[in-house]
């Protein structure tokens, strides 16, 4: 079994910073995709940032230049550094990993962490 545990959300003033962390544990051979998504009330879930095949990064236009995704393969972890936060960044943030283990290739999600940005 694989678990993704997130941390780092919270309340921050506009212009502030937060760093989200997501660590995977369990049976893991390789991780081909690590991403952060967010879901805000009344909106659809959207991709915030992703690391694909270990090197290529992808960002939503709304966060480019403010957010940075990074990973620590040794820890099976992915991070999201969020700077210059805006009220519209408020959402529940979920990490997602596509990984290969003894059961094959599967998609796993974290439990979500709330980010609140006050204006």
N, C-alpha and C. Protein backbone atom coordinates (compact mmCIF):
# COMPACT_ATOMS: atom_id res chain seq x y z
N UNK A 1 0.85 -1.20 0.00
CA UNK A 1 0.00 0.00 0.00
C UNK A 1 0.88 1.24 0.00
N UNK A 2 0.39 2.28 -0.63
CA UNK A 2 1.13 3.54 -0.72
C UNK A 2 0.29 4.64 -0.10
N UNK A 3 0.94 5.49 0.66
CA UNK A 3 0.26 6.65 1.24
C UNK A 3 1.02 7.91 0.90
N UNK A 4 0.27 8.97 0.59
CA UNK A 4 0.85 10.28 0.38
C UNK A 4 0.37 11.18 1.51
N UNK A 5 1.31 11.76 2.22
CA UNK A 5 0.97 12.62 3.35
C UNK A 5 1.45 14.03 3.07
N UNK A 6 0.51 14.96 3.14
CA UNK A 6 0.81 16.36 2.86
C UNK A 6 0.94 17.15 4.15
N UNK A 7 1.67 18.24 4.05
CA UNK A 7 1.77 19.17 5.16
C UNK A 7 2.14 20.55 4.62
N UNK A 8 1.97 21.56 5.46
CA UNK A 8 2.45 22.88 5.11
C UNK A 8 1.40 23.91 4.79
N UNK A 9 0.15 23.52 4.72
CA UNK A 9 -0.89 24.51 4.45
C UNK A 9 -1.11 25.40 5.65
N UNK A 10 -1.95 26.40 5.47
CA UNK A 10 -2.26 27.30 6.57
C UNK A 10 -2.81 28.62 6.09
N UNK A 11 -2.82 29.56 7.00
CA UNK A 11 -3.33 30.90 6.74
C UNK A 11 -2.16 31.85 6.57
N UNK A 12 -2.21 32.64 5.51
CA UNK A 12 -1.14 33.59 5.25
C UNK A 12 -1.75 34.86 4.66
N UNK A 13 -1.11 35.97 4.89
CA UNK A 13 -1.57 37.22 4.31
C UNK A 13 -1.16 37.29 2.84
N UNK A 14 -1.90 38.03 2.09
CA UNK A 14 -1.54 38.24 0.68
C UNK A 14 -0.13 38.79 0.60
N UNK A 15 0.63 38.23 -0.34
CA UNK A 15 2.03 38.60 -0.48
C UNK A 15 2.97 37.70 0.28
N UNK A 16 2.43 36.86 1.13
CA UNK A 16 3.24 35.97 1.92
C UNK A 16 3.60 34.68 1.19
N UNK A 17 4.23 33.77 1.93
CA UNK A 17 4.72 32.53 1.34
C UNK A 17 4.32 31.34 2.19
N UNK A 18 4.18 30.21 1.52
CA UNK A 18 3.98 28.92 2.17
C UNK A 18 4.74 27.87 1.39
N UNK A 19 5.11 26.82 2.08
CA UNK A 19 5.77 25.69 1.41
C UNK A 19 5.00 24.43 1.74
N UNK A 20 4.49 23.79 0.71
CA UNK A 20 3.77 22.54 0.87
C UNK A 20 4.73 21.37 0.66
N UNK A 21 4.50 20.32 1.42
CA UNK A 21 5.30 19.11 1.29
C UNK A 21 4.37 17.91 1.11
N UNK A 22 4.85 16.94 0.39
CA UNK A 22 4.09 15.70 0.19
C UNK A 22 5.09 14.56 0.11
N UNK A 23 4.96 13.60 1.00
CA UNK A 23 5.87 12.47 1.03
C UNK A 23 5.10 11.18 0.85
N UNK A 24 5.64 10.32 0.01
CA UNK A 24 5.02 9.03 -0.25
C UNK A 24 5.74 7.94 0.52
N UNK A 25 4.98 7.01 1.04
CA UNK A 25 5.56 5.87 1.74
C UNK A 25 4.89 4.60 1.28
N UNK A 26 5.61 3.49 1.44
CA UNK A 26 5.07 2.21 1.03
C UNK A 26 5.92 1.60 -0.07
N UNK A 27 5.29 0.74 -0.82
CA UNK A 27 5.99 0.04 -1.90
C UNK A 27 6.10 0.96 -3.11
N UNK A 28 7.31 1.44 -3.40
CA UNK A 28 7.54 2.36 -4.51
C UNK A 28 8.80 1.94 -5.25
N UNK A 29 8.67 1.72 -6.53
CA UNK A 29 9.84 1.42 -7.35
C UNK A 29 10.32 2.68 -8.06
N UNK A 30 9.45 3.27 -8.83
CA UNK A 30 9.78 4.52 -9.52
C UNK A 30 8.58 5.44 -9.51
N UNK A 31 8.86 6.75 -9.58
CA UNK A 31 7.81 7.76 -9.65
C UNK A 31 7.98 8.53 -10.95
N UNK A 32 6.99 8.46 -11.81
CA UNK A 32 7.12 9.09 -13.13
C UNK A 32 6.50 10.47 -13.17
N UNK A 33 5.67 10.79 -12.20
CA UNK A 33 4.96 12.06 -12.23
C UNK A 33 4.67 12.50 -10.81
N UNK A 34 4.94 13.78 -10.56
CA UNK A 34 4.60 14.39 -9.27
C UNK A 34 3.92 15.72 -9.57
N UNK A 35 2.77 15.90 -9.00
CA UNK A 35 2.06 17.13 -9.30
C UNK A 35 1.30 17.67 -8.11
N UNK A 36 0.97 18.95 -8.20
CA UNK A 36 0.13 19.62 -7.21
C UNK A 36 -1.10 20.16 -7.95
N UNK A 37 -2.24 19.88 -7.37
CA UNK A 37 -3.51 20.38 -7.88
C UNK A 37 -4.20 21.16 -6.78
N UNK A 38 -5.16 21.97 -7.18
CA UNK A 38 -5.93 22.69 -6.16
C UNK A 38 -7.40 22.72 -6.55
N UNK A 39 -8.21 22.79 -5.49
CA UNK A 39 -9.65 22.83 -5.67
C UNK A 39 -10.20 23.92 -4.78
N UNK A 40 -10.80 24.92 -5.42
CA UNK A 40 -11.41 26.02 -4.69
C UNK A 40 -12.92 25.91 -4.80
N UNK A 41 -13.64 26.43 -3.83
CA UNK A 41 -15.11 26.35 -3.86
C UNK A 41 -15.68 26.94 -5.14
N UNK A 42 -16.55 26.19 -5.77
CA UNK A 42 -17.20 26.67 -6.98
C UNK A 42 -16.36 26.58 -8.23
N UNK A 43 -15.16 26.02 -8.11
CA UNK A 43 -14.28 25.91 -9.26
C UNK A 43 -13.91 24.45 -9.51
N UNK A 44 -13.42 24.20 -10.71
CA UNK A 44 -12.94 22.86 -11.01
C UNK A 44 -11.52 22.68 -10.50
N UNK A 45 -11.18 21.43 -10.26
CA UNK A 45 -9.80 21.14 -9.86
C UNK A 45 -8.87 21.54 -11.00
N UNK A 46 -7.76 22.18 -10.62
CA UNK A 46 -6.82 22.59 -11.66
C UNK A 46 -5.40 22.17 -11.29
N UNK A 47 -4.63 21.91 -12.32
CA UNK A 47 -3.22 21.60 -12.14
C UNK A 47 -2.49 22.89 -11.79
N UNK A 48 -1.71 22.85 -10.73
CA UNK A 48 -0.91 24.00 -10.32
C UNK A 48 0.51 23.87 -10.87
N UNK A 49 1.12 22.72 -10.62
CA UNK A 49 2.49 22.51 -11.07
C UNK A 49 2.77 21.02 -11.09
N UNK A 50 3.71 20.62 -11.95
CA UNK A 50 4.03 19.21 -12.04
C UNK A 50 5.48 19.02 -12.46
N UNK A 51 6.04 17.89 -12.03
CA UNK A 51 7.35 17.44 -12.51
C UNK A 51 7.10 16.15 -13.24
N UNK A 52 7.51 16.12 -14.50
CA UNK A 52 7.21 14.98 -15.36
C UNK A 52 8.50 14.27 -15.73
N UNK A 53 8.50 12.97 -15.53
CA UNK A 53 9.67 12.14 -15.86
C UNK A 53 10.93 12.66 -15.20
N UNK A 54 10.78 13.23 -14.02
CA UNK A 54 11.92 13.62 -13.22
C UNK A 54 12.56 14.94 -13.53
N UNK A 55 12.23 15.54 -14.67
CA UNK A 55 12.96 16.76 -15.00
C UNK A 55 12.08 17.88 -15.56
N UNK A 56 11.17 17.57 -16.39
CA UNK A 56 10.36 18.61 -17.04
C UNK A 56 9.31 19.12 -16.06
N UNK A 57 9.21 20.44 -15.97
CA UNK A 57 8.22 21.05 -15.08
C UNK A 57 7.16 21.76 -15.89
N UNK A 58 5.98 21.83 -15.29
CA UNK A 58 4.86 22.47 -15.94
C UNK A 58 4.10 23.28 -14.89
N UNK A 59 3.74 24.50 -15.22
CA UNK A 59 3.05 25.37 -14.28
C UNK A 59 1.79 25.95 -14.91
N UNK A 60 0.80 26.15 -14.07
CA UNK A 60 -0.36 26.91 -14.52
C UNK A 60 0.07 28.35 -14.77
N UNK A 61 -0.51 28.98 -15.75
CA UNK A 61 -0.13 30.35 -16.07
C UNK A 61 -0.30 31.28 -14.88
N UNK A 62 -1.30 31.00 -14.08
CA UNK A 62 -1.61 31.89 -12.96
C UNK A 62 -0.57 31.86 -11.84
N UNK A 63 0.31 30.85 -11.85
CA UNK A 63 1.30 30.75 -10.77
C UNK A 63 2.73 30.87 -11.27
N UNK A 64 2.91 30.98 -12.55
CA UNK A 64 4.28 31.08 -13.10
C UNK A 64 4.99 32.29 -12.52
N UNK A 65 6.23 32.06 -12.11
CA UNK A 65 7.02 33.13 -11.52
C UNK A 65 6.81 33.30 -10.04
N UNK A 66 5.79 32.65 -9.49
CA UNK A 66 5.51 32.78 -8.05
C UNK A 66 5.68 31.44 -7.32
N UNK A 67 5.32 30.36 -7.98
CA UNK A 67 5.39 29.03 -7.36
C UNK A 67 6.55 28.24 -7.98
N UNK A 68 7.14 27.38 -7.16
CA UNK A 68 8.20 26.51 -7.65
C UNK A 68 7.98 25.10 -7.12
N UNK A 69 7.98 24.15 -8.02
CA UNK A 69 7.85 22.75 -7.63
C UNK A 69 9.24 22.12 -7.62
N UNK A 70 9.47 21.28 -6.63
CA UNK A 70 10.75 20.58 -6.54
C UNK A 70 10.51 19.21 -5.94
N UNK A 71 11.52 18.38 -5.99
CA UNK A 71 11.35 17.03 -5.48
C UNK A 71 12.62 16.57 -4.78
N UNK A 72 12.47 15.56 -3.95
CA UNK A 72 13.58 14.87 -3.31
C UNK A 72 13.32 13.39 -3.54
N UNK A 73 13.99 12.83 -4.51
CA UNK A 73 13.74 11.44 -4.88
C UNK A 73 14.07 10.49 -3.74
N UNK A 74 15.13 10.80 -3.00
CA UNK A 74 15.53 9.92 -1.90
C UNK A 74 14.45 9.81 -0.85
N UNK A 75 13.65 10.86 -0.72
CA UNK A 75 12.57 10.88 0.27
C UNK A 75 11.21 10.62 -0.36
N UNK A 76 11.18 10.37 -1.67
CA UNK A 76 9.90 10.21 -2.38
C UNK A 76 8.97 11.38 -2.07
N UNK A 77 9.53 12.57 -2.14
CA UNK A 77 8.79 13.76 -1.73
C UNK A 77 8.75 14.80 -2.83
N UNK A 78 7.70 15.57 -2.81
CA UNK A 78 7.54 16.69 -3.71
C UNK A 78 7.14 17.91 -2.89
N UNK A 79 7.60 19.07 -3.31
CA UNK A 79 7.37 20.30 -2.57
C UNK A 79 6.79 21.35 -3.51
N UNK A 80 6.08 22.29 -2.91
CA UNK A 80 5.58 23.43 -3.67
C UNK A 80 5.86 24.69 -2.87
N UNK A 81 6.82 25.47 -3.33
CA UNK A 81 7.12 26.74 -2.70
C UNK A 81 6.22 27.79 -3.34
N UNK A 82 5.42 28.42 -2.51
CA UNK A 82 4.45 29.40 -3.00
C UNK A 82 4.80 30.77 -2.45
N UNK A 83 5.16 31.67 -3.32
CA UNK A 83 5.51 33.03 -2.94
C UNK A 83 4.51 34.01 -3.52
N UNK A 84 4.51 35.20 -2.98
CA UNK A 84 3.61 36.27 -3.46
C UNK A 84 2.18 35.77 -3.57
N UNK A 85 1.72 35.13 -2.53
CA UNK A 85 0.39 34.53 -2.56
C UNK A 85 -0.70 35.59 -2.70
N UNK A 86 -1.73 35.20 -3.44
CA UNK A 86 -2.87 36.07 -3.69
C UNK A 86 -4.12 35.43 -3.12
N UNK A 87 -5.14 36.21 -2.82
CA UNK A 87 -6.39 35.60 -2.33
C UNK A 87 -6.95 34.54 -3.27
N UNK A 88 -6.74 34.70 -4.55
CA UNK A 88 -7.25 33.71 -5.51
C UNK A 88 -6.48 32.41 -5.49
N UNK A 89 -5.38 32.35 -4.75
CA UNK A 89 -4.65 31.09 -4.60
C UNK A 89 -5.26 30.21 -3.50
N UNK A 90 -6.19 30.75 -2.74
CA UNK A 90 -6.80 29.99 -1.66
C UNK A 90 -7.55 28.78 -2.21
N UNK A 91 -7.27 27.64 -1.65
CA UNK A 91 -7.88 26.39 -2.12
C UNK A 91 -7.38 25.25 -1.24
N UNK A 92 -7.94 24.08 -1.48
CA UNK A 92 -7.35 22.86 -0.92
C UNK A 92 -6.37 22.34 -1.97
N UNK A 93 -5.16 22.12 -1.54
CA UNK A 93 -4.11 21.67 -2.44
C UNK A 93 -3.86 20.17 -2.24
N UNK A 94 -3.80 19.45 -3.35
CA UNK A 94 -3.61 18.01 -3.32
C UNK A 94 -2.34 17.64 -4.10
N UNK A 95 -1.56 16.75 -3.54
CA UNK A 95 -0.45 16.23 -4.33
C UNK A 95 -0.89 14.94 -5.01
N UNK A 96 -0.27 14.70 -6.12
CA UNK A 96 -0.58 13.52 -6.93
C UNK A 96 0.71 12.90 -7.43
N UNK A 97 0.81 11.60 -7.35
CA UNK A 97 1.98 10.90 -7.88
C UNK A 97 1.53 9.71 -8.70
N UNK A 98 2.18 9.54 -9.80
CA UNK A 98 2.00 8.34 -10.61
C UNK A 98 3.26 7.51 -10.44
N UNK A 99 3.09 6.33 -9.88
CA UNK A 99 4.26 5.57 -9.55
C UNK A 99 4.08 4.11 -9.91
N UNK A 100 5.24 3.46 -9.99
CA UNK A 100 5.27 2.05 -10.33
C UNK A 100 5.75 1.27 -9.11
N UNK A 101 4.98 0.25 -8.76
CA UNK A 101 5.40 -0.60 -7.65
C UNK A 101 5.02 -2.04 -7.97
N UNK A 102 5.00 -2.87 -6.96
CA UNK A 102 4.76 -4.29 -7.19
C UNK A 102 3.37 -4.57 -7.75
N UNK A 103 2.47 -3.57 -7.64
CA UNK A 103 1.13 -3.76 -8.19
C UNK A 103 0.99 -3.18 -9.59
N UNK A 104 2.06 -2.63 -10.11
CA UNK A 104 2.00 -2.00 -11.41
C UNK A 104 2.04 -0.49 -11.28
N UNK A 105 1.55 0.21 -12.30
CA UNK A 105 1.54 1.67 -12.30
C UNK A 105 0.20 2.17 -11.80
N UNK A 106 0.23 3.04 -10.81
CA UNK A 106 -1.01 3.53 -10.22
C UNK A 106 -0.90 5.01 -9.90
N UNK A 107 -2.05 5.57 -9.65
CA UNK A 107 -2.22 6.99 -9.38
C UNK A 107 -2.58 7.16 -7.91
N UNK A 108 -1.85 8.01 -7.20
CA UNK A 108 -2.11 8.20 -5.77
C UNK A 108 -2.28 9.68 -5.46
N UNK A 109 -3.13 9.94 -4.47
CA UNK A 109 -3.42 11.31 -4.07
C UNK A 109 -3.21 11.50 -2.57
N UNK A 110 -2.77 12.69 -2.23
CA UNK A 110 -2.68 13.06 -0.83
C UNK A 110 -4.06 13.43 -0.29
N UNK A 111 -4.09 13.69 1.01
CA UNK A 111 -5.37 13.95 1.67
C UNK A 111 -5.84 15.39 1.49
N UNK A 112 -4.97 16.24 1.00
CA UNK A 112 -5.32 17.64 0.80
C UNK A 112 -4.89 18.50 1.98
N UNK A 113 -4.47 19.71 1.68
CA UNK A 113 -4.10 20.66 2.72
C UNK A 113 -4.66 22.03 2.35
N UNK A 114 -5.27 22.67 3.31
CA UNK A 114 -5.95 23.93 3.07
C UNK A 114 -4.96 25.09 3.05
N UNK A 115 -5.08 25.91 2.03
CA UNK A 115 -4.32 27.16 1.95
C UNK A 115 -5.33 28.30 1.94
N UNK A 116 -5.19 29.20 2.90
CA UNK A 116 -6.08 30.35 3.01
C UNK A 116 -5.23 31.61 2.92
N UNK A 117 -5.63 32.52 2.06
CA UNK A 117 -4.88 33.76 1.85
C UNK A 117 -5.80 34.93 2.17
N UNK A 118 -5.42 35.71 3.16
CA UNK A 118 -6.23 36.86 3.54
C UNK A 118 -5.76 38.11 2.80
N UNK A 119 -6.72 38.93 2.47
CA UNK A 119 -6.36 40.15 1.72
C UNK A 119 -6.10 41.32 2.64
